[in-house]
Amino acid sequence: MEPAIMQGSPAFQAGFQQTYTEGYQAGFGMGYEEGLQFAYETQPG
């Protein structure tokens, strides 16, 4: 069975989406892959 953390709470999903979006937008200034890495490293939880 997959761990429940994969789904996350609504608050987690909202926080992740916000952080991912910010990281994605920042990616346009630092490079696409670096932006995705930034989003991954800064995700809540």
PDB file of N, CA and C in Angstrom:
ATOM      1  N   MET A   1       0.838  -1.211   0.000  1.00  0.00           N
ATOM      2  CA  MET A   1       0.000   0.000   0.000  1.00  0.00           C
ATOM      3  C   MET A   1       0.869   1.256   0.000  1.00  0.00           C
ATOM      4  N   GLU A   2       0.404   2.251  -0.737  1.00  0.00           N
ATOM      5  CA  GLU A   2       1.132   3.509  -0.765  1.00  0.00           C
ATOM      6  C   GLU A   2       0.921   4.252   0.552  1.00  0.00           C
ATOM      7  N   PRO A   3       1.951   4.920   1.049  1.00  0.00           N
ATOM      8  CA  PRO A   3       1.791   5.688   2.292  1.00  0.00           C
ATOM      9  C   PRO A   3       0.816   6.845   2.106  1.00  0.00           C
ATOM     10  N   ALA A   4       0.095   7.163   3.167  1.00  0.00           N
ATOM     11  CA  ALA A   4      -0.920   8.211   3.088  1.00  0.00           C
ATOM     12  C   ALA A   4      -0.311   9.574   2.765  1.00  0.00           C
ATOM     13  N   ILE A   5       0.978   9.743   3.087  1.00  0.00           N
ATOM     14  CA  ILE A   5       1.637  11.027   2.851  1.00  0.00           C
ATOM     15  C   ILE A   5       1.626  11.390   1.371  1.00  0.00           C
ATOM     16  N   MET A   6       1.493  10.399   0.508  1.00  0.00           N
ATOM     17  CA  MET A   6       1.459  10.669  -0.923  1.00  0.00           C
ATOM     18  C   MET A   6       0.249  11.518  -1.280  1.00  0.00           C
ATOM     19  N   GLN A   7      -0.856  11.337  -0.557  1.00  0.00           N
ATOM     20  CA  GLN A   7      -2.052  12.137  -0.806  1.00  0.00           C
ATOM     21  C   GLN A   7      -1.945  13.462  -0.051  1.00  0.00           C
ATOM     22  N   GLY A   8      -1.681  13.384   1.248  1.00  0.00           N
ATOM     23  CA  GLY A   8      -1.518  14.598   2.034  1.00  0.00           C
ATOM     24  C   GLY A   8      -2.848  15.226   2.387  1.00  0.00           C
ATOM     25  N   SER A   9      -2.806  16.129   3.343  1.00  0.00           N
ATOM     26  CA  SER A   9      -4.003  16.856   3.758  1.00  0.00           C
ATOM     27  C   SER A   9      -4.256  18.003   2.790  1.00  0.00           C
ATOM     28  N   PRO A  10      -5.461  18.580   2.801  1.00  0.00           N
ATOM     29  CA  PRO A  10      -5.728  19.744   1.944  1.00  0.00           C
ATOM     30  C   PRO A  10      -4.739  20.882   2.196  1.00  0.00           C
ATOM     31  N   ALA A  11      -4.382  21.082   3.454  1.00  0.00           N
ATOM     32  CA  ALA A  11      -3.417  22.142   3.771  1.00  0.00           C
ATOM     33  C   ALA A  11      -2.062  21.834   3.150  1.00  0.00           C
ATOM     34  N   PHE A  12      -1.655  20.560   3.221  1.00  0.00           N
ATOM     35  CA  PHE A  12      -0.385  20.160   2.618  1.00  0.00           C
ATOM     36  C   PHE A  12      -0.425  20.380   1.107  1.00  0.00           C
ATOM     37  N   GLN A  13      -1.523  19.958   0.483  1.00  0.00           N
ATOM     38  CA  GLN A  13      -1.639  20.101  -0.971  1.00  0.00           C
ATOM     39  C   GLN A  13      -1.620  21.564  -1.382  1.00  0.00           C
ATOM     40  N   ALA A  14      -2.309  22.410  -0.610  1.00  0.00           N
ATOM     41  CA  ALA A  14      -2.333  23.842  -0.918  1.00  0.00           C
ATOM     42  C   ALA A  14      -0.939  24.440  -0.758  1.00  0.00           C
ATOM     43  N   GLY A  15      -0.253  24.058   0.325  1.00  0.00           N
ATOM     44  CA  GLY A  15       1.092  24.568   0.552  1.00  0.00           C
ATOM     45  C   GLY A  15       2.063  24.081  -0.505  1.00  0.00           C
ATOM     46  N   PHE A  16       1.918  22.808  -0.882  1.00  0.00           N
ATOM     47  CA  PHE A  16       2.795  22.255  -1.907  1.00  0.00           C
ATOM     48  C   PHE A  16       2.576  22.969  -3.231  1.00  0.00           C
ATOM     49  N   GLN A  17       1.306  23.187  -3.599  1.00  0.00           N
ATOM     50  CA  GLN A  17       0.999  23.832  -4.872  1.00  0.00           C
ATOM     51  C   GLN A  17       1.577  25.243  -4.913  1.00  0.00           C
ATOM     52  N   GLN A  18       1.431  25.970  -3.795  1.00  0.00           N
ATOM     53  CA  GLN A  18       1.966  27.333  -3.740  1.00  0.00           C
ATOM     54  C   GLN A  18       3.483  27.313  -3.876  1.00  0.00           C
ATOM     55  N   THR A  19       4.131  26.444  -3.109  1.00  0.00           N
ATOM     56  CA  THR A  19       5.589  26.369  -3.129  1.00  0.00           C
ATOM     57  C   THR A  19       6.092  25.899  -4.490  1.00  0.00           C
ATOM     58  N   TYR A  20       5.412  24.905  -5.061  1.00  0.00           N
ATOM     59  CA  TYR A  20       5.813  24.392  -6.366  1.00  0.00           C
ATOM     60  C   TYR A  20       5.691  25.476  -7.423  1.00  0.00           C
ATOM     61  N   THR A  21       4.578  26.233  -7.354  1.00  0.00           N
ATOM     62  CA  THR A  21       4.363  27.313  -8.322  1.00  0.00           C
ATOM     63  C   THR A  21       5.449  28.363  -8.189  1.00  0.00           C
ATOM     64  N   GLU A  22       5.795  28.731  -6.957  1.00  0.00           N
ATOM     65  CA  GLU A  22       6.855  29.715  -6.744  1.00  0.00           C
ATOM     66  C   GLU A  22       8.190  29.191  -7.271  1.00  0.00           C
ATOM     67  N   GLY A  23       8.464  27.924  -7.011  1.00  0.00           N
ATOM     68  CA  GLY A  23       9.692  27.326  -7.501  1.00  0.00           C
ATOM     69  C   GLY A  23       9.717  27.267  -9.018  1.00  0.00           C
ATOM     70  N   TYR A  24       8.564  26.957  -9.601  1.00  0.00           N
ATOM     71  CA  TYR A  24       8.462  26.873 -11.058  1.00  0.00           C
ATOM     72  C   TYR A  24       8.690  28.237 -11.674  1.00  0.00           C
ATOM     73  N   GLN A  25       8.088  29.274 -11.075  1.00  0.00           N
ATOM     74  CA  GLN A  25       8.278  30.629 -11.590  1.00  0.00           C
ATOM     75  C   GLN A  25       9.730  31.065 -11.445  1.00  0.00           C
ATOM     76  N   ALA A  26      10.338  30.724 -10.298  1.00  0.00           N
ATOM     77  CA  ALA A  26      11.746  31.060 -10.087  1.00  0.00           C
ATOM     78  C   ALA A  26      12.615  30.341 -11.108  1.00  0.00           C
ATOM     79  N   GLY A  27      12.133  29.179 -11.556  1.00  0.00           N
ATOM     80  CA  GLY A  27      12.884  28.389 -12.518  1.00  0.00           C
ATOM     81  C   GLY A  27      13.154  29.122 -13.820  1.00  0.00           C
ATOM     82  N   PHE A  28      12.281  30.068 -14.167  1.00  0.00           N
ATOM     83  CA  PHE A  28      12.499  30.813 -15.401  1.00  0.00           C
ATOM     84  C   PHE A  28      13.722  31.711 -15.289  1.00  0.00           C
ATOM     85  N   GLY A  29      14.140  31.994 -14.052  1.00  0.00           N
ATOM     86  CA  GLY A  29      15.310  32.842 -13.857  1.00  0.00           C
ATOM     87  C   GLY A  29      16.577  32.034 -13.637  1.00  0.00           C
ATOM     88  N   MET A  30      16.438  30.758 -13.252  1.00  0.00           N
ATOM     89  CA  MET A  30      17.619  29.973 -12.904  1.00  0.00           C
ATOM     90  C   MET A  30      17.776  28.741 -13.779  1.00  0.00           C
ATOM     91  N   GLY A  31      16.829  28.510 -14.680  1.00  0.00           N
ATOM     92  CA  GLY A  31      16.875  27.313 -15.501  1.00  0.00           C
ATOM     93  C   GLY A  31      15.790  26.340 -15.081  1.00  0.00           C
ATOM     94  N   TYR A  32      15.209  25.655 -16.043  1.00  0.00           N
ATOM     95  CA  TYR A  32      14.047  24.811 -15.789  1.00  0.00           C
ATOM     96  C   TYR A  32      14.323  23.726 -14.751  1.00  0.00           C
ATOM     97  N   GLU A  33      15.377  22.956 -14.947  1.00  0.00           N
ATOM     98  CA  GLU A  33      15.667  21.841 -14.037  1.00  0.00           C
ATOM     99  C   GLU A  33      16.010  22.346 -12.636  1.00  0.00           C
ATOM    100  N   GLU A  34      16.788  23.446 -12.568  1.00  0.00           N
ATOM    101  CA  GLU A  34      17.121  24.017 -11.271  1.00  0.00           C
ATOM    102  C   GLU A  34      15.860  24.511 -10.574  1.00  0.00           C
ATOM    103  N   GLY A  35      14.917  25.039 -11.341  1.00  0.00           N
ATOM    104  CA  GLY A  35      13.647  25.490 -10.776  1.00  0.00           C
ATOM    105  C   GLY A  35      12.853  24.346 -10.182  1.00  0.00           C
ATOM    106  N   LEU A  36      12.822  23.222 -10.906  1.00  0.00           N
ATOM    107  CA  LEU A  36      12.118  22.056 -10.379  1.00  0.00           C
ATOM    108  C   LEU A  36      12.797  21.539  -9.121  1.00  0.00           C
ATOM    109  N   GLN A  37      14.127  21.547  -9.118  1.00  0.00           N
ATOM    110  CA  GLN A  37      14.868  21.103  -7.933  1.00  0.00           C
ATOM    111  C   GLN A  37      14.578  22.017  -6.753  1.00  0.00           C
ATOM    112  N   PHE A  38      14.520  23.336  -7.025  1.00  0.00           N
ATOM    113  CA  PHE A  38      14.189  24.308  -5.983  1.00  0.00           C
ATOM    114  C   PHE A  38      12.813  24.019  -5.418  1.00  0.00           C
ATOM    115  N   ALA A  39      11.843  23.766  -6.282  1.00  0.00           N
ATOM    116  CA  ALA A  39      10.486  23.468  -5.841  1.00  0.00           C
ATOM    117  C   ALA A  39      10.467  22.200  -5.003  1.00  0.00           C
ATOM    118  N   TYR A  40      11.230  21.203  -5.436  1.00  0.00           N
ATOM    119  CA  TYR A  40      11.271  19.940  -4.704  1.00  0.00           C
ATOM    120  C   TYR A  40      11.891  20.124  -3.317  1.00  0.00           C
ATOM    121  N   GLU A  41      12.983  20.864  -3.266  1.00  0.00           N
ATOM    122  CA  GLU A  41      13.702  21.023  -2.006  1.00  0.00           C
ATOM    123  C   GLU A  41      12.945  21.889  -1.012  1.00  0.00           C
ATOM    124  N   THR A  42      12.085  22.775  -1.507  1.00  0.00           N
ATOM    125  CA  THR A  42      11.410  23.728  -0.625  1.00  0.00           C
ATOM    126  C   THR A  42       9.960  23.347  -0.353  1.00  0.00           C
ATOM    127  N   GLN A  43       9.531  22.179  -0.814  1.00  0.00           N
ATOM    128  CA  GLN A  43       8.151  21.772  -0.559  1.00  0.00           C
ATOM    129  C   GLN A  43       7.919  21.558   0.934  1.00  0.00           C
ATOM    130  N   PRO A  44       6.742  21.923   1.447  1.00  0.00           N
ATOM    131  CA  PRO A  44       6.463  21.758   2.879  1.00  0.00           C
ATOM    132  C   PRO A  44       6.426  20.288   3.282  1.00  0.00           C
ATOM    133  N   GLY A  45       6.672  20.033   4.558  1.00  0.00           N
ATOM    134  CA  GLY A  45       6.645  18.667   5.051  1.00  0.00           C
ATOM    135  C   GLY A  45       7.993  17.989   4.926  1.00  0.00           C
TER     136      GLY A  45
END
